[in-house]
Protein backbone atom coordinates (compact mmCIF):
# COMPACT_ATOMS: atom_id res chain seq x y z
CA UNK A 1 3.55 -53.95 -13.71
CA UNK A 2 4.07 -50.44 -12.36
CA UNK A 3 6.72 -50.17 -9.67
CA UNK A 4 4.91 -47.93 -7.14
CA UNK A 5 8.06 -47.23 -5.16
CA UNK A 6 9.89 -45.91 -8.24
CA UNK A 7 6.91 -43.75 -9.19
CA UNK A 8 6.79 -42.19 -5.73
CA UNK A 9 10.54 -41.56 -5.73
CA UNK A 10 10.33 -39.98 -9.19
CA UNK A 11 7.50 -37.68 -8.11
CA UNK A 12 9.40 -36.63 -4.99
CA UNK A 13 12.53 -35.88 -7.05
CA UNK A 14 10.49 -33.76 -9.47
CA UNK A 15 8.85 -31.85 -6.61
CA UNK A 16 12.25 -31.31 -5.00
CA UNK A 17 13.66 -29.91 -8.25
CA UNK A 18 10.66 -27.61 -8.66
CA UNK A 19 10.98 -26.30 -5.10
CA UNK A 20 14.71 -25.72 -5.49
CA UNK A 21 14.04 -23.92 -8.77
CA UNK A 22 11.45 -21.64 -7.17
CA UNK A 23 13.79 -20.82 -4.28
CA UNK A 24 16.66 -20.01 -6.65
CA UNK A 25 14.33 -17.88 -8.79
CA UNK A 26 13.12 -16.00 -5.70
CA UNK A 27 16.59 -15.15 -4.41
CA UNK A 28 18.18 -14.35 -7.78
CA UNK A 29 15.37 -12.30 -9.32
CA UNK A 30 15.34 -8.51 -9.13
CA UNK A 31 13.70 -7.05 -6.05
CA UNK A 32 9.99 -6.35 -6.28
CA UNK A 33 8.26 -4.48 -3.47
CA UNK A 34 4.77 -5.34 -2.27
CA UNK A 35 2.65 -2.24 -1.63
CA UNK A 36 -0.51 -3.20 0.27
CA UNK A 37 -3.54 -0.92 0.06
CA UNK A 38 -6.18 -0.89 2.79
CA UNK A 39 -9.20 1.32 3.24
CA UNK A 40 -11.70 1.16 6.08
CA UNK A 41 -11.56 -1.18 9.09
CA UNK A 42 -14.32 -2.59 11.25
CA UNK A 43 -14.63 -4.64 14.44
CA UNK A 44 -17.97 -6.09 13.39
CA UNK A 45 -19.07 -7.90 10.22
CA UNK A 46 -17.73 -6.00 7.16
CA UNK A 47 -20.41 -4.13 5.23
CA UNK A 48 -18.54 -4.01 1.92
CA UNK A 49 -15.52 -5.52 0.21
CA UNK A 50 -13.25 -2.62 1.18
CA UNK A 51 -13.67 -3.01 4.93
CA UNK A 52 -11.16 -5.24 6.71
CA UNK A 53 -12.13 -6.85 9.98
CA UNK A 54 -9.99 -6.07 13.00
CA UNK A 55 -9.32 -9.79 13.45
CA UNK A 56 -8.05 -10.31 9.89
CA UNK A 57 -5.88 -7.21 9.96
CA UNK A 58 -4.34 -8.32 13.24
CA UNK A 59 -3.51 -11.74 11.75
CA UNK A 60 -1.89 -10.17 8.71
CA UNK A 61 0.20 -7.71 10.72
CA UNK A 62 1.24 -10.46 13.14
CA UNK A 63 2.44 -12.48 10.16
CA UNK A 64 4.61 -9.57 8.96
CA UNK A 65 6.02 -9.13 12.45
CA UNK A 66 6.66 -12.81 13.12
CA UNK A 67 8.32 -13.35 9.75
CA UNK A 68 10.53 -10.29 10.17
CA UNK A 69 9.35 -8.22 7.23
CA UNK A 70 10.82 -4.75 6.88
CA UNK A 71 7.91 -2.31 6.77
CA UNK A 72 8.97 0.63 4.66
CA UNK A 73 8.53 4.37 4.83
CA UNK A 74 7.92 6.44 1.71
CA UNK A 75 11.46 7.78 1.78
CA UNK A 76 12.66 4.16 1.41
CA UNK A 77 10.62 3.75 -1.77
CA UNK A 78 11.97 7.06 -3.08
CA UNK A 79 15.53 5.93 -2.43
CA UNK A 80 14.84 2.58 -4.13
CA UNK A 81 13.20 4.12 -7.23
CA UNK A 82 16.04 6.62 -7.62
CA UNK A 83 18.55 3.75 -7.53
CA UNK A 84 20.30 5.12 -4.47
CA UNK A 85 19.71 2.09 -2.26
CA UNK A 86 18.65 -1.54 -2.27
CA UNK A 87 15.84 -2.99 -0.18
CA UNK A 88 15.52 -6.46 1.34
CA UNK A 89 13.30 -8.86 -0.60
CA UNK A 90 11.18 -9.23 2.52
CA UNK A 91 10.07 -5.59 2.38
CA UNK A 92 6.53 -4.26 2.29
CA UNK A 93 4.92 -0.81 2.19
CA UNK A 94 1.61 -0.69 4.09
CA UNK A 95 -0.73 2.03 2.84
CA UNK A 96 -4.22 3.08 3.91
CA UNK A 97 -6.35 5.38 1.78
CA UNK A 98 -8.75 8.22 2.58
CA UNK A 99 -8.17 8.74 6.32
CA UNK A 100 -11.09 6.77 7.71
CA UNK A 101 -11.60 7.21 11.45
CA UNK A 102 -11.05 3.51 12.01
CA UNK A 103 -7.60 3.73 10.47
CA UNK A 104 -6.80 5.60 13.68
CA UNK A 105 -9.05 3.69 16.09
CA UNK A 106 -8.49 0.12 14.85
CA UNK A 107 -5.49 -0.11 12.53
CA UNK A 108 -3.07 2.28 14.28
CA UNK A 109 -2.97 0.43 17.64
CA UNK A 110 -2.34 -2.89 15.86
CA UNK A 111 0.48 -1.41 13.79
CA UNK A 112 2.01 0.09 16.94
CA UNK A 113 1.70 -3.21 18.82
CA UNK A 114 3.73 -5.02 16.16
CA UNK A 115 6.11 -2.07 15.60
CA UNK A 116 5.21 -1.71 11.92
CA UNK A 117 5.49 1.39 9.75
CA UNK A 118 2.60 2.49 7.53
CA UNK A 119 1.29 5.41 5.46
CA UNK A 120 -2.14 7.04 5.36
CA UNK A 121 -3.04 8.87 2.15
CA UNK A 122 -5.41 11.51 3.50
CA UNK A 123 -8.29 13.40 1.84
CA UNK A 124 -7.97 17.02 2.97
CA UNK A 125 -11.64 18.06 2.80
CA UNK A 126 -12.38 16.00 5.92
CA UNK A 127 -9.94 18.00 8.02
CA UNK A 128 -12.68 20.33 9.32
CA UNK A 129 -14.67 17.44 10.79
CA UNK A 130 -17.81 17.74 8.66
CA UNK A 131 -17.81 13.98 8.02
CA UNK A 132 -17.58 11.99 11.26
CA UNK A 133 -16.47 8.83 9.44
CA UNK A 134 -13.08 10.38 8.64
CA UNK A 135 -10.25 11.77 10.73
CA UNK A 136 -10.49 15.48 11.50
CA UNK A 137 -7.87 17.98 12.63
CA UNK A 138 -7.83 16.67 16.22
CA UNK A 139 -7.52 13.09 15.02
CA UNK A 140 -4.59 14.00 12.79
CA UNK A 141 -2.84 15.65 15.72
CA UNK A 142 -3.47 12.53 17.81
CA UNK A 143 -2.10 10.34 15.02
CA UNK A 144 1.10 12.37 14.74
CA UNK A 145 1.62 12.42 18.50
CA UNK A 146 0.79 8.83 19.44
CA UNK A 147 1.70 6.94 16.27
CA UNK A 148 4.97 8.26 14.82
CA UNK A 149 5.27 4.97 12.92
CA UNK A 150 2.42 6.12 10.65
CA UNK A 151 3.20 8.72 7.99
CA UNK A 152 0.59 11.09 6.56
CA UNK A 153 0.70 11.69 2.79
CA UNK A 154 -1.75 13.24 0.34
CA UNK A 155 -4.80 11.87 -1.50
CA UNK A 156 -6.10 15.21 -2.87
CA UNK A 157 -8.05 17.92 -1.08
CA UNK A 158 -11.36 17.63 -2.91
CA UNK A 159 -10.72 15.49 -5.97
CA UNK A 160 -11.78 12.15 -4.58
CA UNK A 161 -14.08 11.12 -7.40
CA UNK A 162 -13.47 8.87 -10.39
CA UNK A 163 -13.36 11.53 -13.12
CA UNK A 164 -11.04 13.95 -11.32
CA UNK A 165 -8.10 12.85 -13.46
CA UNK A 166 -9.80 14.46 -16.48
CA UNK A 167 -9.37 17.97 -15.04
CA UNK A 168 -6.83 20.34 -16.54
CA UNK A 169 -3.43 21.02 -15.02
CA UNK A 170 -4.50 24.33 -13.48
CA UNK A 171 -7.45 22.78 -11.60
CA UNK A 172 -5.36 19.89 -10.34
CA UNK A 173 -2.55 22.19 -9.19
CA UNK A 174 -5.06 24.36 -7.32
CA UNK A 175 -6.28 21.32 -5.39
CA UNK A 176 -2.75 20.13 -4.67
CA UNK A 177 -1.83 23.54 -3.26
CA UNK A 178 -4.86 23.53 -0.99
CA UNK A 179 -3.99 20.04 0.22
CA UNK A 180 -0.45 21.13 1.03
CA UNK A 181 -1.86 23.78 3.37
CA UNK A 182 -3.22 20.93 5.49
CA UNK A 183 -0.42 18.43 5.09
CA UNK A 184 2.87 19.30 3.44
CA UNK A 185 4.03 16.12 1.74
CA UNK A 186 5.91 15.14 -1.40
CA UNK A 187 4.06 11.83 -1.74
CA UNK A 188 0.68 11.27 -3.34
CA UNK A 189 -1.93 8.61 -4.17
CA UNK A 190 -4.30 9.29 -7.07
CA UNK A 191 -8.02 9.14 -6.18
CA UNK A 192 -9.32 5.81 -7.51
CA UNK A 193 -5.85 5.24 -8.93
CA UNK A 194 -6.65 7.28 -12.04
CA UNK A 195 -4.16 9.76 -13.47
CA UNK A 196 -3.26 11.69 -16.61
CA UNK A 197 -0.36 13.57 -18.18
CA UNK A 198 -1.67 16.82 -16.70
CA UNK A 199 -1.90 15.20 -13.27
CA UNK A 200 1.73 14.09 -13.44
CA UNK A 201 2.83 17.51 -14.72
CA UNK A 202 1.12 19.17 -11.75
CA UNK A 203 2.78 16.82 -9.28
CA UNK A 204 6.17 17.38 -10.86
CA UNK A 205 5.88 21.19 -10.83
CA UNK A 206 4.91 21.16 -7.16
CA UNK A 207 7.86 18.97 -6.22
CA UNK A 208 6.16 15.67 -5.51
CA UNK A 209 8.64 12.78 -5.46
CA UNK A 210 6.28 9.80 -5.80
CA UNK A 211 2.69 9.09 -6.81
CA UNK A 212 0.82 5.79 -6.42
CA UNK A 213 -1.91 4.25 -8.53
CA UNK A 214 -4.46 1.62 -7.51
CA UNK A 215 -5.82 -1.58 -9.14
CA UNK A 216 -7.38 -3.64 -10.44
CA UNK A 217 -5.66 -2.99 -13.78
CA UNK A 218 -2.15 -3.24 -15.23
CA UNK A 219 -0.90 -1.46 -12.12
CA UNK A 220 -2.19 -4.20 -9.80
CA UNK A 221 1.23 -5.73 -9.23
CA UNK A 222 4.43 -5.34 -7.26
CA UNK A 223 6.63 -2.28 -7.56
CA UNK A 224 9.98 -2.44 -9.36
CA UNK A 225 12.95 -0.12 -9.65
CA UNK A 226 12.10 0.45 -13.31
CA UNK A 227 8.67 1.95 -12.57
CA UNK A 228 7.86 5.57 -13.33
CA UNK A 229 7.92 7.48 -10.03
CA UNK A 230 4.45 8.89 -10.80
CA UNK A 231 2.93 5.53 -11.76
CA UNK A 232 3.77 3.29 -8.81
CA UNK A 233 1.54 0.20 -8.48
CA UNK A 234 -0.25 -1.07 -5.39
CA UNK A 235 -2.11 -4.25 -4.45
CA UNK A 236 -5.64 -3.99 -3.11
CA UNK A 237 -6.55 -5.73 0.16
CA UNK A 238 -10.14 -6.96 0.22
CA UNK A 239 -12.45 -8.21 2.96
CA UNK A 240 -12.62 -11.83 1.94
CA UNK A 241 -8.92 -12.41 1.29
CA UNK A 242 -7.86 -15.65 3.04
CA UNK A 243 -4.55 -15.83 4.87
CA UNK A 244 -2.98 -18.12 2.27
CA UNK A 245 -3.65 -15.53 -0.42
CA UNK A 246 -2.15 -12.77 1.71
CA UNK A 247 1.03 -14.84 2.09
CA UNK A 248 1.06 -15.62 -1.63
CA UNK A 249 0.71 -11.92 -2.42
CA UNK A 250 3.76 -11.13 -0.33
CA UNK A 251 5.99 -13.87 -1.67
CA UNK A 252 5.02 -15.00 -5.16
CA UNK A 253 2.69 -12.42 -6.67
CA UNK A 254 3.95 -10.98 -9.95
């Protein structure tokens, strides 16, 4: 006859050992940095999988604040990659791509409320205001003045299409130079996360310190100190991501 009490005790001991093992693994493993990638935001029902509702974003940022995560700036990542400094395991880099208007109207106030740092990788061709869905010159000035916790970095001037990475070094460098006229930065995110040897050569010649990719592919993972500074991975944030998955992504994702 099975002794139920012994079975329960055995199961509890096994679970306890597993939990202890996971905790030891977490605190003894090399530091991996979560880089979150957002795009557009909306205060209504999301229209596509890249739009994050205001409510969900607020919950996620509140979690980071309440659990005392260090929200990084790009210079922190540069220091980490170069081996000049260590970062706490509870560190996260919040990035937003493209420069959507709602990154200013919805996301920025939430980030400011919770005193969190973030980065916007901006597409320069929208600077003149021809597309009302994206931040223009006045919006950028407002961002810099009212939200110093949000850094502006580059996402190309006019190369935001999937095959841009196939261009030659001269064409890429021309675009990078034009982008620097709008926003002088040494940090970059590849359009659609796609890059090439020529792309990296152009970035290097123009003095860029870091460049970020974008999943889903082999680069859809956490960032490590061993990563190439021009091939830094990021994790995509989608509309339907439940809170438990967000927490898992921060703590246990590869």
